[in-house]
Amino acid sequence: MLKKISAVILCIFLLLCLLACENNAVIPQGGTDISQPETQPDKPLPTMDVFHTENIVRITFFGYYGEGTPVEVPSENMEEIIAWLDSFTLEEEILEDVVPGNNTWCVEIEYSDGAFVKQGLSSIKVGDTGYYLDYDQPPECFKKLISQSILEI
C-alpha cells in the first residue's frame, strides 16, 4: 500500500514538473517566477532637431560614406531639400552593431554664419548614444542628385 501511495505521489510530482516545463516557468529558490523577463520601460527619445534648417546657404550631398563626389543642391531644389531635412527625427536607439550600409549617404550643410555640419542620413550620435533616423520619403530631386555622386578609385 505504501508503495502505491509513493508511486502516485511521484507521478503527480512528475506531472507538475512536466506542466511547468511546457509553460517555460522557472521558479528559483525564493519562489519568484522569472519565466517572463523583466523589461525596462522604454526611455523617451530626446526631442531635438536632427538638422537645423534655418539660415542654410548651401547643401552638399556625398555618397559612399562621404568619400563620393560632392553634389551641391541647386537653388531651385533648396526649398524642397530643406523641407525634407526638416522631417528627420530620432527613430530608435542603436543597441547593437549598426546595420550594414548605415550612413552611406552624407549631407554637408553650410549656414549663413559660416558654420558647417556634416552628418550621415541613417544615424546620429547624441552624447554617448547612437540613434537611427526616421524621415519622410525623399523628394525626386534628391534621388537625381545622389545619382551624380560617384566613387573615384
Protein backbone atom coordinates (compact mmCIF):
# COMPACT_ATOMS: atom_id res chain seq x y z
CA MET A 1 0.00 0.00 0.00
CA LEU A 2 2.85 2.39 0.87
CA LYS A 3 4.46 1.63 -2.50
CA LYS A 4 1.22 2.57 -4.34
CA ILE A 5 0.91 5.88 -2.44
CA SER A 6 4.59 6.68 -3.11
CA ALA A 7 4.11 5.85 -6.81
CA VAL A 8 1.02 8.11 -7.03
CA ILE A 9 2.85 11.00 -5.30
CA LEU A 10 5.83 10.53 -7.61
CA CYS A 11 3.54 10.54 -10.68
CA ILE A 12 1.81 13.73 -9.52
CA PHE A 13 5.19 15.37 -8.89
CA LEU A 14 6.45 14.39 -12.36
CA LEU A 15 3.22 15.62 -13.95
CA LEU A 16 3.60 19.00 -12.24
CA CYS A 17 7.23 19.20 -13.38
CA LEU A 18 6.20 18.38 -16.95
CA LEU A 19 3.49 21.07 -16.90
CA ALA A 20 5.96 23.61 -15.55
CA CYS A 21 8.42 22.78 -18.33
CA GLU A 22 5.74 23.11 -21.02
CA ASN A 23 4.86 26.58 -19.74
CA ASN A 24 8.55 27.54 -19.56
CA ALA A 25 8.07 28.50 -15.95
CA VAL A 26 11.25 28.68 -13.94
CA ILE A 27 10.81 29.07 -10.23
CA PRO A 28 14.12 29.57 -8.45
CA GLN A 29 14.67 29.31 -4.75
CA GLY A 30 12.72 32.08 -3.13
CA GLY A 31 9.58 31.33 -5.12
CA THR A 32 9.69 34.18 -7.64
CA ASP A 33 8.54 33.26 -11.15
CA ILE A 34 11.07 34.57 -13.67
CA SER A 35 9.60 32.95 -16.77
CA GLN A 36 8.88 36.37 -18.28
CA PRO A 37 12.00 38.53 -18.45
CA GLU A 38 11.60 41.90 -16.85
CA THR A 39 11.70 44.61 -19.46
CA GLN A 40 12.78 48.09 -18.74
CA PRO A 41 10.27 50.70 -19.77
CA ASP A 42 11.20 52.43 -23.00
CA LYS A 43 13.06 55.59 -22.21
CA PRO A 44 11.78 58.52 -24.22
CA LEU A 45 13.83 59.65 -27.18
CA PRO A 46 15.44 63.09 -26.89
CA THR A 47 13.46 65.79 -28.64
CA MET A 48 15.70 67.70 -30.95
CA ASP A 49 16.10 68.95 -34.48
CA VAL A 50 18.32 66.50 -36.32
CA PHE A 51 19.17 69.20 -38.85
CA HIS A 52 18.81 72.89 -38.09
CA THR A 53 17.11 74.14 -41.23
CA GLU A 54 17.25 77.89 -40.66
CA ASN A 55 19.81 80.16 -42.36
CA ILE A 56 21.10 77.46 -44.72
CA VAL A 57 23.13 78.84 -47.62
CA ARG A 58 24.48 75.62 -49.17
CA ILE A 59 23.70 71.89 -49.05
CA THR A 60 26.02 69.26 -50.48
CA PHE A 61 25.38 65.51 -50.61
CA PHE A 62 28.11 62.86 -50.64
CA GLY A 63 27.71 59.18 -51.41
CA TYR A 64 29.88 56.27 -50.32
CA TYR A 65 30.25 57.26 -46.65
CA GLY A 66 31.29 60.79 -47.54
CA GLU A 67 34.00 59.69 -49.98
CA GLY A 68 31.99 60.12 -53.18
CA THR A 69 31.96 63.11 -55.50
CA PRO A 70 30.23 66.04 -53.73
CA VAL A 71 26.93 67.10 -55.30
CA GLU A 72 25.71 70.59 -54.44
CA VAL A 73 21.97 71.19 -54.30
CA PRO A 74 20.96 73.79 -56.92
CA SER A 75 18.95 76.81 -55.76
CA GLU A 76 15.77 75.56 -57.46
CA ASN A 77 15.79 72.43 -55.22
CA MET A 78 16.89 74.06 -51.94
CA GLU A 79 13.38 74.62 -50.55
CA GLU A 80 12.31 71.03 -51.23
CA ILE A 81 15.51 69.54 -49.76
CA ILE A 82 15.34 71.79 -46.67
CA ALA A 83 11.72 70.70 -46.07
CA TRP A 84 12.81 67.06 -46.34
CA LEU A 85 15.76 67.54 -43.96
CA ASP A 86 13.34 69.15 -41.51
CA SER A 87 11.36 65.86 -41.41
CA PHE A 88 14.26 63.88 -39.84
CA THR A 89 13.58 62.57 -36.33
CA LEU A 90 15.17 60.07 -33.96
CA GLU A 91 13.60 56.65 -34.58
CA GLU A 92 15.19 54.24 -32.10
CA GLU A 93 18.32 53.79 -30.02
CA ILE A 94 21.10 51.72 -31.57
CA LEU A 95 21.52 48.84 -29.13
CA GLU A 96 23.84 46.57 -31.13
CA ASP A 97 26.18 46.94 -34.09
CA VAL A 98 24.78 49.29 -36.71
CA VAL A 99 23.18 47.76 -39.77
CA PRO A 100 25.28 47.36 -42.93
CA GLY A 101 25.07 50.38 -45.20
CA ASN A 102 24.49 52.78 -42.31
CA ASN A 103 25.25 56.40 -43.28
CA THR A 104 26.11 55.50 -46.87
CA TRP A 105 24.83 58.96 -47.80
CA CYS A 106 26.01 62.11 -46.03
CA VAL A 107 24.96 65.73 -46.15
CA GLU A 108 27.08 68.79 -45.52
CA ILE A 109 25.16 71.94 -44.61
CA GLU A 110 26.69 75.42 -44.63
CA TYR A 111 24.96 78.13 -42.61
CA SER A 112 24.96 81.90 -43.13
CA ASP A 113 27.33 82.38 -40.15
CA GLY A 114 29.96 80.18 -41.87
CA ALA A 115 29.34 77.09 -39.71
CA PHE A 116 29.39 73.65 -41.35
CA VAL A 117 27.71 70.40 -40.31
CA LYS A 118 28.47 67.07 -41.98
CA GLN A 119 26.13 64.25 -40.97
CA GLY A 120 25.05 60.85 -42.25
CA LEU A 121 21.43 60.32 -43.24
CA SER A 122 20.89 57.00 -41.40
CA SER A 123 22.01 57.55 -37.81
CA ILE A 124 23.25 60.21 -35.40
CA LYS A 125 25.07 60.23 -32.09
CA VAL A 126 23.57 62.28 -29.26
CA GLY A 127 26.00 62.38 -26.35
CA ASP A 128 27.23 58.79 -25.99
CA THR A 129 24.09 57.24 -27.50
CA GLY A 130 23.52 56.42 -31.17
CA TYR A 131 20.08 56.64 -32.79
CA TYR A 132 18.68 55.53 -36.13
CA LEU A 133 16.93 58.28 -38.04
CA ASP A 134 13.42 58.32 -39.46
CA TYR A 135 12.33 60.69 -42.21
CA ASP A 136 9.73 61.36 -44.87
CA GLN A 137 10.04 59.87 -48.35
CA PRO A 138 12.95 61.62 -50.13
CA PRO A 139 11.92 64.01 -52.91
CA GLU A 140 12.64 63.07 -56.52
CA CYS A 141 15.28 65.78 -56.79
CA PHE A 142 17.29 64.05 -54.01
CA LYS A 143 17.32 60.81 -55.97
CA LYS A 144 18.56 62.65 -59.07
CA LEU A 145 21.22 64.47 -57.06
CA ILE A 146 22.68 61.43 -55.32
CA SER A 147 22.87 59.53 -58.59
CA GLN A 148 25.56 62.08 -59.56
CA SER A 149 27.82 61.18 -56.61
CA ILE A 150 30.35 58.62 -57.78
CA LEU A 151 33.29 57.00 -56.04
CA GLU A 152 36.58 57.64 -57.77
CA ILE A 153 39.18 54.96 -57.15
